[in-house]
Structure formats: C-alpha cells, structure tokens
Amino acid sequence: MRTPTSLPARTRLTTGQALRLHADAGTGILATEGSISVAEAPLWSGDQFLRRSTMLREGEFYVVQDRGWITVDAHGPAEVLCHQPHAQTIDPAAYPFFALLARVLSLARLS
C-alpha cells in the first residue's frame, strides 16, 4: 500500500527556476503570483512520445491528469500553491463490486 506524500503547500520561484515533484492525479496547481508552465510526466501513445504542458497566469488553476513527475517552470517571479487530493478509501465488504473491479484493474496493469 502506498503512503501519501506531502507536497510543498506554497513555493516561491524566481525567474527560470523549476520545481520538480511527484504528484497524484487530481492534484491542483494554482499560480498565486506570476506566470508558470506545468509539464506533466511524459506518456507513450502508440509509437509517439507525448508531454502535456500548460501555461498558467496569476489566478489560474490546473488539475494534474496522471500520476507521475511534473515540472513547474517560472517565467518570472512566481508563487505556486499545490493541493493534493485526499485519498478516498472503499470498504471492500460494503462494496464487493468495487473490490472485484480494483483487483481486475490491478491484474490488467501487471499484464
């Protein structure tokens, strides 16, 4: 079982500085000051290598789509607020269908 990691709540960045961190899907990134770019972990799609990158200006919000390493680059003095989603647990005894679905999906990932 994976234990949750803590993200830096508020981080100030100078021009050209980058913040690299591991984020879960659903993590929110808010540009509280300045302008930043958020680049998600690279993905393979068929035979292509894809990387999502989004530019945020002050006050704009981005939700990380896939779990993995992200990079936040500052285009000038900036401040970033990271919000990690709370893990939701499902009691397998109360929801046997979800327990079965989770098991099937975890076996599919191993294949």
PDB file of N, CA and C in Angstrom:
ATOM      1  N   MET A   1       0.842  -1.181   0.000  1.00  0.00           N
ATOM      2  CA  MET A   1       0.000   0.000   0.000  1.00  0.00           C
ATOM      3  C   MET A   1       0.879   1.234   0.000  1.00  0.00           C
ATOM      4  N   ARG A   2       0.563   2.177  -0.854  1.00  0.00           N
ATOM      5  CA  ARG A   2       1.356   3.392  -0.971  1.00  0.00           C
ATOM      6  C   ARG A   2       0.913   4.401   0.079  1.00  0.00           C
ATOM      7  N   THR A   3       1.872   5.015   0.759  1.00  0.00           N
ATOM      8  CA  THR A   3       1.527   6.040   1.730  1.00  0.00           C
ATOM      9  C   THR A   3       1.547   7.395   1.045  1.00  0.00           C
ATOM     10  N   PRO A   4       0.646   8.317   1.445  1.00  0.00           N
ATOM     11  CA  PRO A   4       0.603   9.618   0.791  1.00  0.00           C
ATOM     12  C   PRO A   4       1.863  10.424   1.089  1.00  0.00           C
ATOM     13  N   THR A   5       2.316  11.145   0.095  1.00  0.00           N
ATOM     14  CA  THR A   5       3.453  12.028   0.276  1.00  0.00           C
ATOM     15  C   THR A   5       2.940  13.445   0.372  1.00  0.00           C
ATOM     16  N   SER A   6       3.687  14.283   1.046  1.00  0.00           N
ATOM     17  CA  SER A   6       3.219  15.656   1.173  1.00  0.00           C
ATOM     18  C   SER A   6       3.904  16.529   0.128  1.00  0.00           C
ATOM     19  N   LEU A   7       3.124  17.403  -0.460  1.00  0.00           N
ATOM     20  CA  LEU A   7       3.637  18.351  -1.436  1.00  0.00           C
ATOM     21  C   LEU A   7       3.905  19.663  -0.726  1.00  0.00           C
ATOM     22  N   PRO A   8       4.837  20.459  -1.245  1.00  0.00           N
ATOM     23  CA  PRO A   8       5.017  21.779  -0.649  1.00  0.00           C
ATOM     24  C   PRO A   8       3.747  22.595  -0.863  1.00  0.00           C
ATOM     25  N   ALA A   9       3.213  23.169   0.204  1.00  0.00           N
ATOM     26  CA  ALA A   9       1.954  23.910   0.087  1.00  0.00           C
ATOM     27  C   ALA A   9       2.129  25.151  -0.782  1.00  0.00           C
ATOM     28  N   ARG A  10       3.061  25.992  -0.452  1.00  0.00           N
ATOM     29  CA  ARG A  10       3.298  27.238  -1.175  1.00  0.00           C
ATOM     30  C   ARG A  10       4.781  27.329  -1.481  1.00  0.00           C
ATOM     31  N   THR A  11       5.101  27.611  -2.742  1.00  0.00           N
ATOM     32  CA  THR A  11       6.502  27.690  -3.143  1.00  0.00           C
ATOM     33  C   THR A  11       6.724  28.953  -3.966  1.00  0.00           C
ATOM     34  N   ARG A  12       7.733  29.725  -3.601  1.00  0.00           N
ATOM     35  CA  ARG A  12       8.114  30.906  -4.374  1.00  0.00           C
ATOM     36  C   ARG A  12       9.228  30.506  -5.333  1.00  0.00           C
ATOM     37  N   LEU A  13       9.100  30.931  -6.577  1.00  0.00           N
ATOM     38  CA  LEU A  13      10.089  30.629  -7.605  1.00  0.00           C
ATOM     39  C   LEU A  13      10.610  31.935  -8.205  1.00  0.00           C
ATOM     40  N   THR A  14      11.885  31.950  -8.567  1.00  0.00           N
ATOM     41  CA  THR A  14      12.455  33.102  -9.253  1.00  0.00           C
ATOM     42  C   THR A  14      12.470  32.825 -10.751  1.00  0.00           C
ATOM     43  N   THR A  15      12.785  33.824 -11.539  1.00  0.00           N
ATOM     44  CA  THR A  15      12.801  33.685 -12.995  1.00  0.00           C
ATOM     45  C   THR A  15      13.682  32.521 -13.416  1.00  0.00           C
ATOM     46  N   GLY A  16      13.133  31.612 -14.213  1.00  0.00           N
ATOM     47  CA  GLY A  16      13.889  30.474 -14.724  1.00  0.00           C
ATOM     48  C   GLY A  16      14.003  29.301 -13.770  1.00  0.00           C
ATOM     49  N   GLN A  17      13.534  29.438 -12.555  1.00  0.00           N
ATOM     50  CA  GLN A  17      13.621  28.351 -11.584  1.00  0.00           C
ATOM     51  C   GLN A  17      12.538  27.321 -11.863  1.00  0.00           C
ATOM     52  N   ALA A  18      12.836  26.043 -11.583  1.00  0.00           N
ATOM     53  CA  ALA A  18      11.884  24.955 -11.817  1.00  0.00           C
ATOM     54  C   ALA A  18      11.660  24.165 -10.534  1.00  0.00           C
ATOM     55  N   LEU A  19      10.443  23.721 -10.353  1.00  0.00           N
ATOM     56  CA  LEU A  19      10.070  22.864  -9.236  1.00  0.00           C
ATOM     57  C   LEU A  19       9.666  21.527  -9.827  1.00  0.00           C
ATOM     58  N   ARG A  20      10.333  20.461  -9.400  1.00  0.00           N
ATOM     59  CA  ARG A  20      10.003  19.122  -9.872  1.00  0.00           C
ATOM     60  C   ARG A  20       9.489  18.323  -8.688  1.00  0.00           C
ATOM     61  N   LEU A  21       8.304  17.718  -8.873  1.00  0.00           N
ATOM     62  CA  LEU A  21       7.725  16.946  -7.780  1.00  0.00           C
ATOM     63  C   LEU A  21       6.844  15.840  -8.315  1.00  0.00           C
ATOM     64  N   HIS A  22       6.619  14.848  -7.470  1.00  0.00           N
ATOM     65  CA  HIS A  22       5.751  13.726  -7.824  1.00  0.00           C
ATOM     66  C   HIS A  22       4.355  14.050  -7.343  1.00  0.00           C
ATOM     67  N   ALA A  23       3.391  14.013  -8.252  1.00  0.00           N
ATOM     68  CA  ALA A  23       2.013  14.389  -7.920  1.00  0.00           C
ATOM     69  C   ALA A  23       1.047  13.280  -8.314  1.00  0.00           C
ATOM     70  N   ASP A  24       0.000  13.138  -7.532  1.00  0.00           N
ATOM     71  CA  ASP A  24      -1.065  12.193  -7.853  1.00  0.00           C
ATOM     72  C   ASP A  24      -2.032  12.825  -8.846  1.00  0.00           C
ATOM     73  N   ALA A  25      -2.767  11.997  -9.568  1.00  0.00           N
ATOM     74  CA  ALA A  25      -3.830  12.513 -10.434  1.00  0.00           C
ATOM     75  C   ALA A  25      -4.820  13.267  -9.550  1.00  0.00           C
ATOM     76  N   GLY A  26      -5.260  14.419 -10.022  1.00  0.00           N
ATOM     77  CA  GLY A  26      -6.188  15.226  -9.249  1.00  0.00           C
ATOM     78  C   GLY A  26      -5.533  16.307  -8.422  1.00  0.00           C
ATOM     79  N   THR A  27      -4.203  16.322  -8.378  1.00  0.00           N
ATOM     80  CA  THR A  27      -3.501  17.373  -7.647  1.00  0.00           C
ATOM     81  C   THR A  27      -3.752  18.706  -8.336  1.00  0.00           C
ATOM     82  N   GLY A  28      -4.054  19.722  -7.545  1.00  0.00           N
ATOM     83  CA  GLY A  28      -4.313  21.051  -8.092  1.00  0.00           C
ATOM     84  C   GLY A  28      -3.089  21.941  -7.988  1.00  0.00           C
ATOM     85  N   ILE A  29      -2.813  22.684  -9.063  1.00  0.00           N
ATOM     86  CA  ILE A  29      -1.701  23.636  -9.098  1.00  0.00           C
ATOM     87  C   ILE A  29      -2.308  25.013  -9.359  1.00  0.00           C
ATOM     88  N   LEU A  30      -2.068  25.964  -8.452  1.00  0.00           N
ATOM     89  CA  LEU A  30      -2.589  27.317  -8.580  1.00  0.00           C
ATOM     90  C   LEU A  30      -1.436  28.301  -8.672  1.00  0.00           C
ATOM     91  N   ALA A  31      -1.455  29.128  -9.707  1.00  0.00           N
ATOM     92  CA  ALA A  31      -0.466  30.203  -9.835  1.00  0.00           C
ATOM     93  C   ALA A  31      -0.994  31.384  -9.029  1.00  0.00           C
ATOM     94  N   THR A  32      -0.483  31.569  -7.815  1.00  0.00           N
ATOM     95  CA  THR A  32      -0.975  32.646  -6.968  1.00  0.00           C
ATOM     96  C   THR A  32      -0.305  33.972  -7.299  1.00  0.00           C
ATOM     97  N   GLU A  33       0.813  33.894  -8.000  1.00  0.00           N
ATOM     98  CA  GLU A  33       1.532  35.108  -8.388  1.00  0.00           C
ATOM     99  C   GLU A  33       2.401  34.790  -9.603  1.00  0.00           C
ATOM    100  N   GLY A  34       2.435  35.666 -10.573  1.00  0.00           N
ATOM    101  CA  GLY A  34       3.298  35.499 -11.738  1.00  0.00           C
ATOM    102  C   GLY A  34       2.748  34.526 -12.770  1.00  0.00           C
ATOM    103  N   SER A  35       3.660  34.052 -13.612  1.00  0.00           N
ATOM    104  CA  SER A  35       3.305  33.163 -14.719  1.00  0.00           C
ATOM    105  C   SER A  35       4.178  31.910 -14.659  1.00  0.00           C
ATOM    106  N   ILE A  36       3.542  30.733 -14.813  1.00  0.00           N
ATOM    107  CA  ILE A  36       4.266  29.458 -14.747  1.00  0.00           C
ATOM    108  C   ILE A  36       3.818  28.538 -15.870  1.00  0.00           C
ATOM    109  N   SER A  37       4.621  27.506 -16.130  1.00  0.00           N
ATOM    110  CA  SER A  37       4.240  26.411 -17.025  1.00  0.00           C
ATOM    111  C   SER A  37       4.260  25.129 -16.213  1.00  0.00           C
ATOM    112  N   VAL A  38       3.256  24.289 -16.418  1.00  0.00           N
ATOM    113  CA  VAL A  38       3.184  22.985 -15.754  1.00  0.00           C
ATOM    114  C   VAL A  38       3.322  21.920 -16.834  1.00  0.00           C
ATOM    115  N   ALA A  39       4.339  21.076 -16.725  1.00  0.00           N
ATOM    116  CA  ALA A  39       4.555  19.972 -17.670  1.00  0.00           C
ATOM    117  C   ALA A  39       4.381  18.658 -16.913  1.00  0.00           C
ATOM    118  N   GLU A  40       3.459  17.835 -17.402  1.00  0.00           N
ATOM    119  CA  GLU A  40       3.219  16.543 -16.764  1.00  0.00           C
ATOM    120  C   GLU A  40       4.224  15.500 -17.226  1.00  0.00           C
ATOM    121  N   ALA A  41       4.190  14.365 -16.564  1.00  0.00           N
ATOM    122  CA  ALA A  41       5.071  13.253 -16.922  1.00  0.00           C
ATOM    123  C   ALA A  41       4.820  12.843 -18.370  1.00  0.00           C
ATOM    124  N   PRO A  42       5.866  12.491 -19.101  1.00  0.00           N
ATOM    125  CA  PRO A  42       5.697  12.063 -20.495  1.00  0.00           C
ATOM    126  C   PRO A  42       4.881  10.774 -20.592  1.00  0.00           C
ATOM    127  N   LEU A  43       4.154  10.642 -21.695  1.00  0.00           N
ATOM    128  CA  LEU A  43       3.329   9.463 -21.950  1.00  0.00           C
ATOM    129  C   LEU A  43       3.698   8.850 -23.295  1.00  0.00           C
ATOM    130  N   TRP A  44       3.575   7.538 -23.381  1.00  0.00           N
ATOM    131  CA  TRP A  44       3.714   6.853 -24.663  1.00  0.00           C
ATOM    132  C   TRP A  44       2.329   6.618 -25.214  1.00  0.00           C
ATOM    133  N   SER A  45       2.117   6.992 -26.456  1.00  0.00           N
ATOM    134  CA  SER A  45       0.846   6.737 -27.130  1.00  0.00           C
ATOM    135  C   SER A  45       1.177   6.078 -28.463  1.00  0.00           C
ATOM    136  N   GLY A  46       1.046   4.769 -28.482  1.00  0.00           N
ATOM    137  CA  GLY A  46       1.446   4.035 -29.684  1.00  0.00           C
ATOM    138  C   GLY A  46       2.955   4.133 -29.842  1.00  0.00           C
ATOM    139  N   ASP A  47       3.394   4.782 -30.901  1.00  0.00           N
ATOM    140  CA  ASP A  47       4.834   4.945 -31.117  1.00  0.00           C
ATOM    141  C   ASP A  47       5.257   6.399 -30.929  1.00  0.00           C
ATOM    142  N   GLN A  48       4.401   7.209 -30.271  1.00  0.00           N
ATOM    143  CA  GLN A  48       4.717   8.624 -30.060  1.00  0.00           C
ATOM    144  C   GLN A  48       4.949   8.913 -28.587  1.00  0.00           C
ATOM    145  N   PHE A  49       5.820   9.856 -28.339  1.00  0.00           N
ATOM    146  CA  PHE A  49       6.167  10.309 -27.008  1.00  0.00           C
ATOM    147  C   PHE A  49       5.486  11.655 -26.797  1.00  0.00           C
ATOM    148  N   LEU A  50       4.530  11.726 -25.864  1.00  0.00           N
ATOM    149  CA  LEU A  50       3.746  12.942 -25.658  1.00  0.00           C
ATOM    150  C   LEU A  50       4.026  13.540 -24.282  1.00  0.00           C
ATOM    151  N   ARG A  51       3.997  14.872 -24.199  1.00  0.00           N
ATOM    152  CA  ARG A  51       4.161  15.551 -22.922  1.00  0.00           C
ATOM    153  C   ARG A  51       3.180  16.724 -22.871  1.00  0.00           C
ATOM    154  N   ARG A  52       2.283  16.715 -21.882  1.00  0.00           N
ATOM    155  CA  ARG A  52       1.326  17.807 -21.708  1.00  0.00           C
ATOM    156  C   ARG A  52       2.013  18.969 -21.016  1.00  0.00           C
ATOM    157  N   SER A  53       1.845  20.152 -21.563  1.00  0.00           N
ATOM    158  CA  SER A  53       2.389  21.358 -20.949  1.00  0.00           C
ATOM    159  C   SER A  53       1.338  22.453 -21.021  1.00  0.00           C
ATOM    160  N   THR A  54       1.126  23.133 -19.908  1.00  0.00           N
ATOM    161  CA  THR A  54       0.105  24.173 -19.816  1.00  0.00           C
ATOM    162  C   THR A  54       0.690  25.406 -19.164  1.00  0.00           C
ATOM    163  N   MET A  55       0.394  26.575 -19.739  1.00  0.00           N
ATOM    164  CA  MET A  55       0.854  27.830 -19.157  1.00  0.00           C
ATOM    165  C   MET A  55      -0.246  28.407 -18.284  1.00  0.00           C
ATOM    166  N   LEU A  56       0.118  28.830 -17.084  1.00  0.00           N
ATOM    167  CA  LEU A  56      -0.831  29.433 -16.155  1.00  0.00           C
ATOM    168  C   LEU A  56      -0.375  30.845 -15.806  1.00  0.00           C
ATOM    169  N   ARG A  57      -1.333  31.759 -15.789  1.00  0.00           N
ATOM    170  CA  ARG A  57      -1.067  33.121 -15.330  1.00  0.00           C
ATOM    171  C   ARG A  57      -1.632  33.266 -13.922  1.00  0.00           C
ATOM    172  N   GLU A  58      -1.313  34.353 -13.272  1.00  0.00           N
ATOM    173  CA  GLU A  58      -1.762  34.583 -11.906  1.00  0.00           C
ATOM    174  C   GLU A  58      -3.261  34.349 -11.759  1.00  0.00           C
ATOM    175  N   GLY A  59      -3.617  33.510 -10.780  1.00  0.00           N
ATOM    176  CA  GLY A  59      -5.018  33.213 -10.506  1.00  0.00           C
ATOM    177  C   GLY A  59      -5.569  32.013 -11.255  1.00  0.00           C
ATOM    178  N   GLU A  60      -4.826  31.444 -12.201  1.00  0.00           N
ATOM    179  CA  GLU A  60      -5.316  30.289 -12.958  1.00  0.00           C
ATOM    180  C   GLU A  60      -4.955  28.985 -12.245  1.00  0.00           C
ATOM    181  N   PHE A  61      -5.771  27.962 -12.478  1.00  0.00           N
ATOM    182  CA  PHE A  61      -5.686  26.693 -11.769  1.00  0.00           C
ATOM    183  C   PHE A  61      -5.576  25.551 -12.763  1.00  0.00           C
ATOM    184  N   TYR A  62      -4.781  24.534 -12.432  1.00  0.00           N
ATOM    185  CA  TYR A  62      -4.611  23.363 -13.298  1.00  0.00           C
ATOM    186  C   TYR A  62      -4.730  22.109 -12.442  1.00  0.00           C
ATOM    187  N   VAL A  63      -5.392  21.091 -12.988  1.00  0.00           N
ATOM    188  CA  VAL A  63      -5.521  19.806 -12.302  1.00  0.00           C
ATOM    189  C   VAL A  63      -4.675  18.779 -13.045  1.00  0.00           C
ATOM    190  N   VAL A  64      -3.763  18.141 -12.334  1.00  0.00           N
ATOM    191  CA  VAL A  64      -2.876  17.126 -12.910  1.00  0.00           C
ATOM    192  C   VAL A  64      -3.717  15.928 -13.341  1.00  0.00           C
ATOM    193  N   GLN A  65      -3.520  15.468 -14.583  1.00  0.00           N
ATOM    194  CA  GLN A  65      -4.338  14.406 -15.158  1.00  0.00           C
ATOM    195  C   GLN A  65      -3.863  13.002 -14.781  1.00  0.00           C
ATOM    196  N   ASP A  66      -2.551  12.787 -14.764  1.00  0.00           N
ATOM    197  CA  ASP A  66      -1.999  11.457 -14.489  1.00  0.00           C
ATOM    198  C   ASP A  66      -0.946  11.531 -13.395  1.00  0.00           C
ATOM    199  N   ARG A  67      -0.887  10.489 -12.580  1.00  0.00           N
ATOM    200  CA  ARG A  67       0.106  10.412 -11.515  1.00  0.00           C
ATOM    201  C   ARG A  67       1.503  10.316 -12.127  1.00  0.00           C
ATOM    202  N   GLY A  68       2.440  11.053 -11.557  1.00  0.00           N
ATOM    203  CA  GLY A  68       3.821  10.999 -12.033  1.00  0.00           C
ATOM    204  C   GLY A  68       4.569  12.282 -11.710  1.00  0.00           C
ATOM    205  N   TRP A  69       5.747  12.394 -12.275  1.00  0.00           N
ATOM    206  CA  TRP A  69       6.593  13.561 -12.038  1.00  0.00           C
ATOM    207  C   TRP A  69       6.130  14.721 -12.902  1.00  0.00           C
ATOM    208  N   ILE A  70       5.990  15.892 -12.279  1.00  0.00           N
ATOM    209  CA  ILE A  70       5.633  17.101 -13.011  1.00  0.00           C
ATOM    210  C   ILE A  70       6.724  18.149 -12.805  1.00  0.00           C
ATOM    211  N   THR A  71       6.772  19.097 -13.725  1.00  0.00           N
ATOM    212  CA  THR A  71       7.717  20.204 -13.628  1.00  0.00           C
ATOM    213  C   THR A  71       6.941  21.503 -13.700  1.00  0.00           C
ATOM    214  N   VAL A  72       7.213  22.393 -12.756  1.00  0.00           N
ATOM    215  CA  VAL A  72       6.610  23.719 -12.746  1.00  0.00           C
ATOM    216  C   VAL A  72       7.740  24.708 -13.003  1.00  0.00           C
ATOM    217  N   ASP A  73       7.681  25.417 -14.141  1.00  0.00           N
ATOM    218  CA  ASP A  73       8.706  26.387 -14.528  1.00  0.00           C
ATOM    219  C   ASP A  73       8.172  27.798 -14.340  1.00  0.00           C
ATOM    220  N   ALA A  74       8.996  28.683 -13.780  1.00  0.00           N
ATOM    221  CA  ALA A  74       8.605  30.083 -13.582  1.00  0.00           C
ATOM    222  C   ALA A  74       9.113  30.924 -14.749  1.00  0.00           C
ATOM    223  N   HIS A  75       8.224  31.762 -15.307  1.00  0.00           N
ATOM    224  CA  HIS A  75       8.600  32.670 -16.397  1.00  0.00           C
ATOM    225  C   HIS A  75       9.050  34.015 -15.857  1.00  0.00           C
ATOM    226  N   GLY A  76       8.917  34.216 -14.589  1.00  0.00           N
ATOM    227  CA  GLY A  76       9.295  35.422 -13.867  1.00  0.00           C
ATOM    228  C   GLY A  76       9.103  35.106 -12.396  1.00  0.00           C
ATOM    229  N   PRO A  77       9.257  36.081 -11.519  1.00  0.00           N
ATOM    230  CA  PRO A  77       8.983  35.796 -10.109  1.00  0.00           C
ATOM    231  C   PRO A  77       7.558  35.254  -9.965  1.00  0.00           C
ATOM    232  N   ALA A  78       7.415  34.127  -9.270  1.00  0.00           N
ATOM    233  CA  ALA A  78       6.106  33.476  -9.178  1.00  0.00           C
ATOM    234  C   ALA A  78       5.942  32.786  -7.835  1.00  0.00           C
ATOM    235  N   GLU A  79       4.694  32.538  -7.504  1.00  0.00           N
ATOM    236  CA  GLU A  79       4.372  31.744  -6.328  1.00  0.00           C
ATOM    237  C   GLU A  79       3.341  30.704  -6.745  1.00  0.00           C
ATOM    238  N   VAL A  80       3.552  29.462  -6.293  1.00  0.00           N
ATOM    239  CA  VAL A  80       2.712  28.327  -6.680  1.00  0.00           C
ATOM    240  C   VAL A  80       2.128  27.697  -5.433  1.00  0.00           C
ATOM    241  N   LEU A  81       0.854  27.348  -5.512  1.00  0.00           N
ATOM    242  CA  LEU A  81       0.186  26.643  -4.429  1.00  0.00           C
ATOM    243  C   LEU A  81      -0.214  25.269  -4.940  1.00  0.00           C
ATOM    244  N   CYS A  82       0.209  24.215  -4.243  1.00  0.00           N
ATOM    245  CA  CYS A  82      -0.109  22.837  -4.630  1.00  0.00           C
ATOM    246  C   CYS A  82      -1.115  22.269  -3.635  1.00  0.00           C
ATOM    247  N   HIS A  83      -2.130  21.600  -4.161  1.00  0.00           N
ATOM    248  CA  HIS A  83      -3.131  20.972  -3.306  1.00  0.00           C
ATOM    249  C   HIS A  83      -3.301  19.521  -3.739  1.00  0.00           C
ATOM    250  N   GLN A  84      -2.926  18.619  -2.849  1.00  0.00           N
ATOM    251  CA  GLN A  84      -3.028  17.190  -3.149  1.00  0.00           C
ATOM    252  C   GLN A  84      -4.412  16.688  -2.742  1.00  0.00           C
ATOM    253  N   PRO A  85      -5.067  15.904  -3.606  1.00  0.00           N
ATOM    254  CA  PRO A  85      -6.406  15.393  -3.262  1.00  0.00           C
ATOM    255  C   PRO A  85      -6.327  14.400  -2.108  1.00  0.00           C
ATOM    256  N   HIS A  86      -7.389  14.338  -1.348  1.00  0.00           N
ATOM    257  CA  HIS A  86      -7.456  13.358  -0.260  1.00  0.00           C
ATOM    258  C   HIS A  86      -7.779  11.997  -0.842  1.00  0.00           C
ATOM    259  N   ALA A  87      -7.095  10.993  -0.339  1.00  0.00           N
ATOM    260  CA  ALA A  87      -7.352   9.631  -0.806  1.00  0.00           C
ATOM    261  C   ALA A  87      -8.706   9.163  -0.289  1.00  0.00           C
ATOM    262  N   GLN A  88      -9.467   8.564  -1.158  1.00  0.00           N
ATOM    263  CA  GLN A  88     -10.749   8.006  -0.755  1.00  0.00           C
ATOM    264  C   GLN A  88     -10.586   6.499  -0.646  1.00  0.00           C
ATOM    265  N   THR A  89     -11.074   5.954   0.429  1.00  0.00           N
ATOM    266  CA  THR A  89     -10.973   4.511   0.607  1.00  0.00           C
ATOM    267  C   THR A  89     -12.362   3.897   0.453  1.00  0.00           C
ATOM    268  N   ILE A  90     -12.393   2.732  -0.102  1.00  0.00           N
ATOM    269  CA  ILE A  90     -13.642   2.000  -0.283  1.00  0.00           C
ATOM    270  C   ILE A  90     -13.542   0.725   0.538  1.00  0.00           C
ATOM    271  N   ASP A  91     -14.511   0.507   1.379  1.00  0.00           N
ATOM    272  CA  ASP A  91     -14.548  -0.697   2.191  1.00  0.00           C
ATOM    273  C   ASP A  91     -15.014  -1.855   1.317  1.00  0.00           C
ATOM    274  N   PRO A  92     -14.126  -2.828   1.031  1.00  0.00           N
ATOM    275  CA  PRO A  92     -14.500  -3.931   0.149  1.00  0.00           C
ATOM    276  C   PRO A  92     -15.707  -4.727   0.651  1.00  0.00           C
ATOM    277  N   ALA A  93     -15.887  -4.817   1.961  1.00  0.00           N
ATOM    278  CA  ALA A  93     -17.025  -5.567   2.491  1.00  0.00           C
ATOM    279  C   ALA A  93     -18.346  -4.875   2.153  1.00  0.00           C
ATOM    280  N   ALA A  94     -18.334  -3.557   2.126  1.00  0.00           N
ATOM    281  CA  ALA A  94     -19.554  -2.814   1.830  1.00  0.00           C
ATOM    282  C   ALA A  94     -19.822  -2.738   0.323  1.00  0.00           C
ATOM    283  N   TYR A  95     -18.780  -2.796  -0.480  1.00  0.00           N
ATOM    284  CA  TYR A  95     -18.916  -2.665  -1.932  1.00  0.00           C
ATOM    285  C   TYR A  95     -18.112  -3.758  -2.639  1.00  0.00           C
ATOM    286  N   PRO A  96     -18.610  -4.991  -2.662  1.00  0.00           N
ATOM    287  CA  PRO A  96     -17.835  -6.085  -3.252  1.00  0.00           C
ATOM    288  C   PRO A  96     -17.556  -5.891  -4.739  1.00  0.00           C
ATOM    289  N   PHE A  97     -18.441  -5.201  -5.470  1.00  0.00           N
ATOM    290  CA  PHE A  97     -18.210  -4.974  -6.890  1.00  0.00           C
ATOM    291  C   PHE A  97     -16.940  -4.134  -7.099  1.00  0.00           C
ATOM    292  N   PHE A  98     -16.760  -3.082  -6.290  1.00  0.00           N
ATOM    293  CA  PHE A  98     -15.588  -2.212  -6.435  1.00  0.00           C
ATOM    294  C   PHE A  98     -14.301  -2.944  -6.064  1.00  0.00           C
ATOM    295  N   ALA A  99     -14.384  -3.841  -5.080  1.00  0.00           N
ATOM    296  CA  ALA A  99     -13.220  -4.634  -4.715  1.00  0.00           C
ATOM    297  C   ALA A  99     -12.813  -5.540  -5.874  1.00  0.00           C
ATOM    298  N   LEU A 100     -13.797  -6.173  -6.519  1.00  0.00           N
ATOM    299  CA  LEU A 100     -13.525  -7.034  -7.668  1.00  0.00           C
ATOM    300  C   LEU A 100     -12.965  -6.212  -8.831  1.00  0.00           C
ATOM    301  N   LEU A 101     -13.565  -5.049  -9.087  1.00  0.00           N
ATOM    302  CA  LEU A 101     -13.096  -4.174 -10.160  1.00  0.00           C
ATOM    303  C   LEU A 101     -11.660  -3.713  -9.907  1.00  0.00           C
ATOM    304  N   ALA A 102     -11.339  -3.331  -8.687  1.00  0.00           N
ATOM    305  CA  ALA A 102      -9.975  -2.906  -8.349  1.00  0.00           C
ATOM    306  C   ALA A 102      -8.985  -4.044  -8.573  1.00  0.00           C
ATOM    307  N   ARG A 103      -9.380  -5.255  -8.213  1.00  0.00           N
ATOM    308  CA  ARG A 103      -8.489  -6.408  -8.406  1.00  0.00           C
ATOM    309  C   ARG A 103      -8.255  -6.693  -9.893  1.00  0.00           C
ATOM    310  N   VAL A 104      -9.325  -6.639 -10.700  1.00  0.00           N
ATOM    311  CA  VAL A 104      -9.209  -6.879 -12.142  1.00  0.00           C
ATOM    312  C   VAL A 104      -8.315  -5.816 -12.779  1.00  0.00           C
ATOM    313  N   LEU A 105      -8.518  -4.556 -12.392  1.00  0.00           N
ATOM    314  CA  LEU A 105      -7.705  -3.482 -12.966  1.00  0.00           C
ATOM    315  C   LEU A 105      -6.235  -3.601 -12.556  1.00  0.00           C
ATOM    316  N   SER A 106      -5.958  -3.991 -11.327  1.00  0.00           N
ATOM    317  CA  SER A 106      -4.568  -4.141 -10.907  1.00  0.00           C
ATOM    318  C   SER A 106      -3.904  -5.310 -11.632  1.00  0.00           C
ATOM    319  N   LEU A 107      -4.657  -6.384 -11.903  1.00  0.00           N
ATOM    320  CA  LEU A 107      -4.105  -7.506 -12.678  1.00  0.00           C
ATOM    321  C   LEU A 107      -3.878  -7.101 -14.123  1.00  0.00           C
ATOM    322  N   ALA A 108      -4.760  -6.265 -14.666  1.00  0.00           N
ATOM    323  CA  ALA A 108      -4.595  -5.804 -16.050  1.00  0.00           C
ATOM    324  C   ALA A 108      -3.351  -4.944 -16.192  1.00  0.00           C
ATOM    325  N   ARG A 109      -3.035  -4.159 -15.146  1.00  0.00           N
ATOM    326  CA  ARG A 109      -1.823  -3.316 -15.200  1.00  0.00           C
ATOM    327  C   ARG A 109      -0.563  -4.160 -15.187  1.00  0.00           C
ATOM    328  N   LEU A 110      -0.613  -5.316 -14.554  1.00  0.00           N
ATOM    329  CA  LEU A 110       0.561  -6.179 -14.479  1.00  0.00           C
ATOM    330  C   LEU A 110       0.827  -6.901 -15.784  1.00  0.00           C
ATOM    331  N   SER A 111      -0.178  -7.024 -16.636  1.00  0.00           N
ATOM    332  CA  SER A 111      -0.024  -7.747 -17.904  1.00  0.00           C
ATOM    333  C   SER A 111       0.733  -6.923 -18.918  1.00  0.00           C
TER     334      SER A 111
END
